[in-house]
């Protein structure tokens, strides 16, 4: 069996100058494929809301929905580090409520780390870390604040805003997070932040200078019919291939070409 990826191994990858790879999964078969492909980190992202459950944004997804999908993903993961997003509302009311949600993800769902957005819920994050739950931070564009931000906008474009992001990253490092997701910031800013902290910085729409990269799997293989962000590279169009396969199936059933003697008992 291949060596299990842990949070300490992720930290050591930065020290060794080895790039970190990370993708999302929301079900058993996808998780199994990612794990067997040797992805370093699998994220059960709150992007589940958009790409699987059909919500307009990430805000409506609940702890129960996230937990349901986490359990399915857990069954497909042997090697990769398994991280889950703390969904909107699960850690915003009080540190105690946030801790209870994180505890459920670890105890019931088998998560090996949780991810929170922003740097204002430090007491909640500290409580998790103190109890032995690894925490991944998330700075830059934070989807759970999309209404407050006013849309999907690049963050840190001015020197003042960039300085705020650098300080926030340093604060999260001091708090004890094992890594930081950096979303939709200029490449020059992500370079500053990556150099400013000793923990790994994993980018999404943050340029090539981060310690690793993360994408939503459904975006990068063409399984999500929505708008594909500028920072996504599509490595395949599985949605198109599925439609072709389904059209062929329909045609063969209509014309009597399926099933044949080969598919019959």
Protein backbone atom coordinates (compact mmCIF):
# COMPACT_ATOMS: atom_id res chain seq x y z
CA UNK A 1 0.00 0.00 0.00
CA UNK A 2 1.21 3.49 -0.85
CA UNK A 3 2.32 5.72 2.02
CA UNK A 4 -0.54 7.66 3.66
CA UNK A 5 -0.53 11.43 3.20
CA UNK A 6 -0.77 13.33 6.49
CA UNK A 7 -0.75 17.01 7.43
CA UNK A 8 2.91 16.76 8.46
CA UNK A 9 3.78 15.29 5.05
CA UNK A 10 1.99 18.21 3.38
CA UNK A 11 4.08 20.67 5.42
CA UNK A 12 7.26 18.76 4.58
CA UNK A 13 6.42 18.92 0.87
CA UNK A 14 6.83 22.69 1.00
CA UNK A 15 10.16 22.33 2.81
CA UNK A 16 11.32 19.92 0.10
CA UNK A 17 10.11 22.18 -2.72
CA UNK A 18 7.62 19.56 -3.96
CA UNK A 19 4.36 20.87 -5.42
CA UNK A 20 1.10 19.81 -3.73
CA UNK A 21 -1.92 18.62 -5.71
CA UNK A 22 -5.50 18.91 -4.52
CA UNK A 23 -8.93 18.23 -6.07
CA UNK A 24 -12.53 17.95 -4.89
CA UNK A 25 -14.70 14.84 -4.53
CA UNK A 26 -18.28 14.39 -3.38
CA UNK A 27 -18.89 10.67 -3.95
CA UNK A 28 -17.25 7.26 -3.62
CA UNK A 29 -16.28 6.57 -7.27
CA UNK A 30 -14.69 10.00 -7.80
CA UNK A 31 -12.82 9.75 -4.50
CA UNK A 32 -11.52 6.29 -5.41
CA UNK A 33 -10.28 7.51 -8.80
CA UNK A 34 -8.54 10.54 -7.28
CA UNK A 35 -6.97 8.46 -4.51
CA UNK A 36 -5.70 5.82 -6.94
CA UNK A 37 -4.33 8.62 -9.14
CA UNK A 38 -2.13 9.70 -6.20
CA UNK A 39 -3.68 13.12 -5.59
CA UNK A 40 -2.21 14.54 -2.37
CA UNK A 41 -5.34 16.11 -0.88
CA UNK A 42 -9.01 15.39 -1.49
CA UNK A 43 -11.41 18.16 -0.46
CA UNK A 44 -15.08 17.57 0.16
CA UNK A 45 -15.77 21.16 -0.77
CA UNK A 46 -18.86 23.22 -0.09
CA UNK A 47 -18.79 23.57 -3.89
CA UNK A 48 -20.92 20.43 -3.46
CA UNK A 49 -23.74 22.97 -3.27
CA UNK A 50 -23.23 24.20 -6.85
CA UNK A 51 -21.83 21.30 -8.84
CA UNK A 52 -23.75 18.39 -7.30
CA UNK A 53 -26.83 19.72 -5.49
CA UNK A 54 -27.67 22.48 -7.97
CA UNK A 55 -27.76 25.45 -5.61
CA UNK A 56 -26.93 28.90 -6.96
CA UNK A 57 -23.93 29.30 -4.63
CA UNK A 58 -22.27 27.57 -1.67
CA UNK A 59 -24.34 29.23 1.05
CA UNK A 60 -27.36 26.84 1.31
CA UNK A 61 -25.45 23.57 1.82
CA UNK A 62 -25.89 22.16 5.34
CA UNK A 63 -23.73 20.21 7.77
CA UNK A 64 -25.96 17.16 7.25
CA UNK A 65 -25.57 17.32 3.47
CA UNK A 66 -21.80 17.74 3.77
CA UNK A 67 -21.59 14.86 6.24
CA UNK A 68 -23.57 12.55 3.96
CA UNK A 69 -21.17 13.13 1.06
CA UNK A 70 -18.09 13.03 3.30
CA UNK A 71 -18.99 9.50 4.41
CA UNK A 72 -19.24 8.38 0.78
CA UNK A 73 -15.88 9.95 -0.08
CA UNK A 74 -14.25 8.44 3.01
CA UNK A 75 -15.04 4.94 1.72
CA UNK A 76 -13.04 5.62 -1.44
CA UNK A 77 -9.95 7.16 0.18
CA UNK A 78 -6.96 5.13 1.32
CA UNK A 79 -3.88 7.32 0.65
CA UNK A 80 -4.88 10.96 0.16
CA UNK A 81 -5.36 13.46 2.98
CA UNK A 82 -9.12 13.98 3.40
CA UNK A 83 -10.25 17.55 4.15
CA UNK A 84 -13.78 18.93 4.41
CA UNK A 85 -15.11 22.47 4.14
CA UNK A 86 -16.95 23.84 7.16
CA UNK A 87 -20.14 25.04 5.42
CA UNK A 88 -21.62 28.50 5.85
CA UNK A 89 -23.31 28.85 9.24
CA UNK A 90 -21.59 25.85 10.81
CA UNK A 91 -18.94 27.88 12.67
CA UNK A 92 -20.26 31.43 12.53
CA UNK A 93 -22.65 31.46 15.52
CA UNK A 94 -20.23 30.48 18.29
CA UNK A 95 -16.87 28.73 18.77
CA UNK A 96 -18.65 25.91 20.61
CA UNK A 97 -21.08 25.27 17.76
CA UNK A 98 -18.25 25.39 15.22
CA UNK A 99 -16.23 22.93 17.27
CA UNK A 100 -19.19 20.54 17.51
CA UNK A 101 -19.63 20.60 13.72
CA UNK A 102 -15.93 19.93 13.16
CA UNK A 103 -16.04 17.11 15.71
CA UNK A 104 -18.92 15.46 13.82
CA UNK A 105 -16.98 15.64 10.55
CA UNK A 106 -14.02 13.87 12.19
CA UNK A 107 -15.87 11.35 14.39
CA UNK A 108 -18.82 10.49 12.14
CA UNK A 109 -17.45 11.26 8.69
CA UNK A 110 -13.77 10.34 8.99
CA UNK A 111 -12.37 13.73 7.92
CA UNK A 112 -8.69 14.22 8.68
CA UNK A 113 -8.84 18.02 8.62
CA UNK A 114 -11.37 20.83 8.21
CA UNK A 115 -11.20 24.05 6.20
CA UNK A 116 -12.55 27.42 7.31
CA UNK A 117 -12.78 30.68 5.36
CA UNK A 118 -11.27 34.01 6.39
CA UNK A 119 -9.30 34.94 9.50
CA UNK A 120 -11.94 36.33 11.85
CA UNK A 121 -13.07 33.10 13.53
CA UNK A 122 -9.78 32.55 15.30
CA UNK A 123 -11.29 31.42 18.60
CA UNK A 124 -13.19 28.66 16.82
CA UNK A 125 -10.11 27.59 14.86
CA UNK A 126 -7.98 27.65 18.02
CA UNK A 127 -10.50 25.40 19.78
CA UNK A 128 -10.36 22.89 16.91
CA UNK A 129 -6.56 22.89 16.71
CA UNK A 130 -6.19 22.58 20.50
CA UNK A 131 -8.46 19.52 20.41
CA UNK A 132 -6.33 17.89 17.72
CA UNK A 133 -8.40 18.71 14.64
CA UNK A 134 -6.09 20.01 11.87
CA UNK A 135 -7.35 23.20 10.25
CA UNK A 136 -6.72 24.52 6.75
CA UNK A 137 -7.21 28.26 6.25
CA UNK A 138 -8.68 30.04 3.22
CA UNK A 139 -7.85 33.62 2.21
CA UNK A 140 -8.37 35.88 -0.79
CA UNK A 141 -11.79 35.45 -2.35
CA UNK A 142 -13.93 33.58 0.16
CA UNK A 143 -17.11 32.22 -1.50
CA UNK A 144 -19.09 32.22 1.76
CA UNK A 145 -18.80 36.03 1.78
CA UNK A 146 -19.87 36.42 -1.85
CA UNK A 147 -22.85 38.63 -0.92
CA UNK A 148 -20.70 40.88 1.24
CA UNK A 149 -17.91 41.08 -1.34
CA UNK A 150 -20.44 41.83 -4.07
CA UNK A 151 -19.67 39.01 -6.49
CA UNK A 152 -16.75 36.91 -7.65
CA UNK A 153 -13.93 39.46 -7.57
CA UNK A 154 -10.14 39.21 -7.48
CA UNK A 155 -8.81 40.19 -4.04
CA UNK A 156 -5.60 41.95 -3.01
CA UNK A 157 -5.23 44.14 -6.09
CA UNK A 158 -4.01 47.23 -4.21
CA UNK A 159 -0.88 47.36 -2.04
CA UNK A 160 -2.99 48.00 1.05
CA UNK A 161 -5.23 45.00 0.37
CA UNK A 162 -2.21 42.83 -0.42
CA UNK A 163 -0.59 43.84 2.89
CA UNK A 164 -3.78 42.82 4.71
CA UNK A 165 -3.66 39.38 3.07
CA UNK A 166 0.01 38.89 3.98
CA UNK A 167 -0.72 39.76 7.60
CA UNK A 168 -3.75 37.46 7.66
CA UNK A 169 -1.63 34.57 6.36
CA UNK A 170 1.00 35.17 9.04
CA UNK A 171 -1.72 35.32 11.70
CA UNK A 172 -3.17 32.00 10.55
CA UNK A 173 0.28 30.44 10.63
CA UNK A 174 0.78 31.63 14.22
CA UNK A 175 -2.65 30.24 15.10
CA UNK A 176 -1.51 26.79 13.97
CA UNK A 177 -3.21 26.04 10.64
CA UNK A 178 -1.25 23.49 8.62
CA UNK A 179 -1.86 25.12 5.22
CA UNK A 180 -3.73 27.95 3.50
CA UNK A 181 -5.91 28.04 0.38
CA UNK A 182 -5.40 31.28 -1.54
CA UNK A 183 -8.18 32.05 -4.00
CA UNK A 184 -8.37 34.62 -6.79
CA UNK A 185 -5.47 36.93 -5.96
CA UNK A 186 -2.83 38.37 -8.31
CA UNK A 187 0.18 36.10 -8.87
CA UNK A 188 2.55 38.73 -7.47
CA UNK A 189 0.59 38.79 -4.20
CA UNK A 190 0.43 35.01 -3.90
CA UNK A 191 4.20 34.96 -4.39
CA UNK A 192 4.62 37.36 -1.45
CA UNK A 193 2.34 35.30 0.78
CA UNK A 194 3.95 31.99 -0.17
CA UNK A 195 7.36 33.38 0.78
CA UNK A 196 6.05 35.01 3.97
CA UNK A 197 4.88 31.81 5.68
CA UNK A 198 6.48 28.43 6.31
CA UNK A 199 3.25 26.48 5.88
CA UNK A 200 2.06 25.45 2.38
CA UNK A 201 0.01 27.91 0.34
CA UNK A 202 -2.27 26.17 -2.17
CA UNK A 203 -3.62 28.36 -4.93
CA UNK A 204 -6.84 28.44 -6.91
CA UNK A 205 -6.74 31.27 -9.41
CA UNK A 206 -3.64 32.57 -7.61
CA UNK A 207 -0.94 31.95 -10.22
CA UNK A 208 2.06 29.61 -10.44
CA UNK A 209 4.08 30.67 -7.39
CA UNK A 210 2.05 28.85 -4.72
CA UNK A 211 3.24 25.62 -3.10
CA UNK A 212 0.40 23.71 -4.75
CA UNK A 213 -2.81 23.97 -6.75
CA UNK A 214 -6.46 23.04 -6.20
CA UNK A 215 -9.38 22.93 -8.63
CA UNK A 216 -12.98 21.75 -8.52
CA UNK A 217 -12.85 18.36 -10.25
CA UNK A 218 -16.18 18.86 -12.03
CA UNK A 219 -14.79 22.07 -13.60
CA UNK A 220 -11.50 20.60 -14.80
CA UNK A 221 -13.07 17.51 -16.42
CA UNK A 222 -16.13 19.24 -17.87
CA UNK A 223 -18.82 17.64 -15.70
CA UNK A 224 -20.36 20.90 -14.48
CA UNK A 225 -22.58 22.73 -16.92
CA UNK A 226 -22.16 26.14 -15.32
CA UNK A 227 -19.75 28.93 -16.18
CA UNK A 228 -16.14 27.80 -15.96
CA UNK A 229 -13.94 30.33 -14.12
CA UNK A 230 -11.03 31.96 -15.98
CA UNK A 231 -8.47 30.19 -13.78
CA UNK A 232 -9.71 26.68 -14.65
CA UNK A 233 -7.94 24.58 -17.26
CA UNK A 234 -10.23 21.89 -18.64
CA UNK A 235 -8.23 18.69 -19.04
CA UNK A 236 -11.18 16.76 -20.49
CA UNK A 237 -14.80 17.25 -21.53
CA UNK A 238 -16.47 14.28 -19.90
CA UNK A 239 -19.85 15.99 -20.06
CA UNK A 240 -19.68 15.94 -23.87
CA UNK A 241 -18.52 12.31 -23.92
CA UNK A 242 -21.36 11.28 -21.59
CA UNK A 243 -23.93 12.96 -23.84
CA UNK A 244 -22.46 11.17 -26.86
CA UNK A 245 -22.59 7.82 -25.05
CA UNK A 246 -26.18 8.40 -23.88
CA UNK A 247 -27.29 9.46 -27.38
CA UNK A 248 -25.76 6.28 -28.81
CA UNK A 249 -27.54 4.19 -26.16
CA UNK A 250 -30.90 5.81 -26.96
CA UNK A 251 -30.40 5.23 -30.68
CA UNK A 252 -29.45 1.57 -30.18
CA UNK A 253 -32.46 0.90 -27.96
CA UNK A 254 -34.79 2.60 -30.44
CA UNK A 255 -33.35 0.66 -33.39
CA UNK A 256 -33.14 -2.68 -31.59
CA UNK A 257 -29.34 -2.84 -31.69
CA UNK A 258 -29.19 -3.13 -27.88
CA UNK A 259 -29.33 -5.55 -26.22
CA UNK A 260 -27.81 -8.19 -28.47
CA UNK A 261 -27.28 -11.90 -27.81
CA UNK A 262 -24.00 -10.93 -26.08
CA UNK A 263 -25.86 -8.90 -23.44
CA UNK A 264 -28.63 -11.51 -22.97
CA UNK A 265 -28.92 -14.61 -20.77
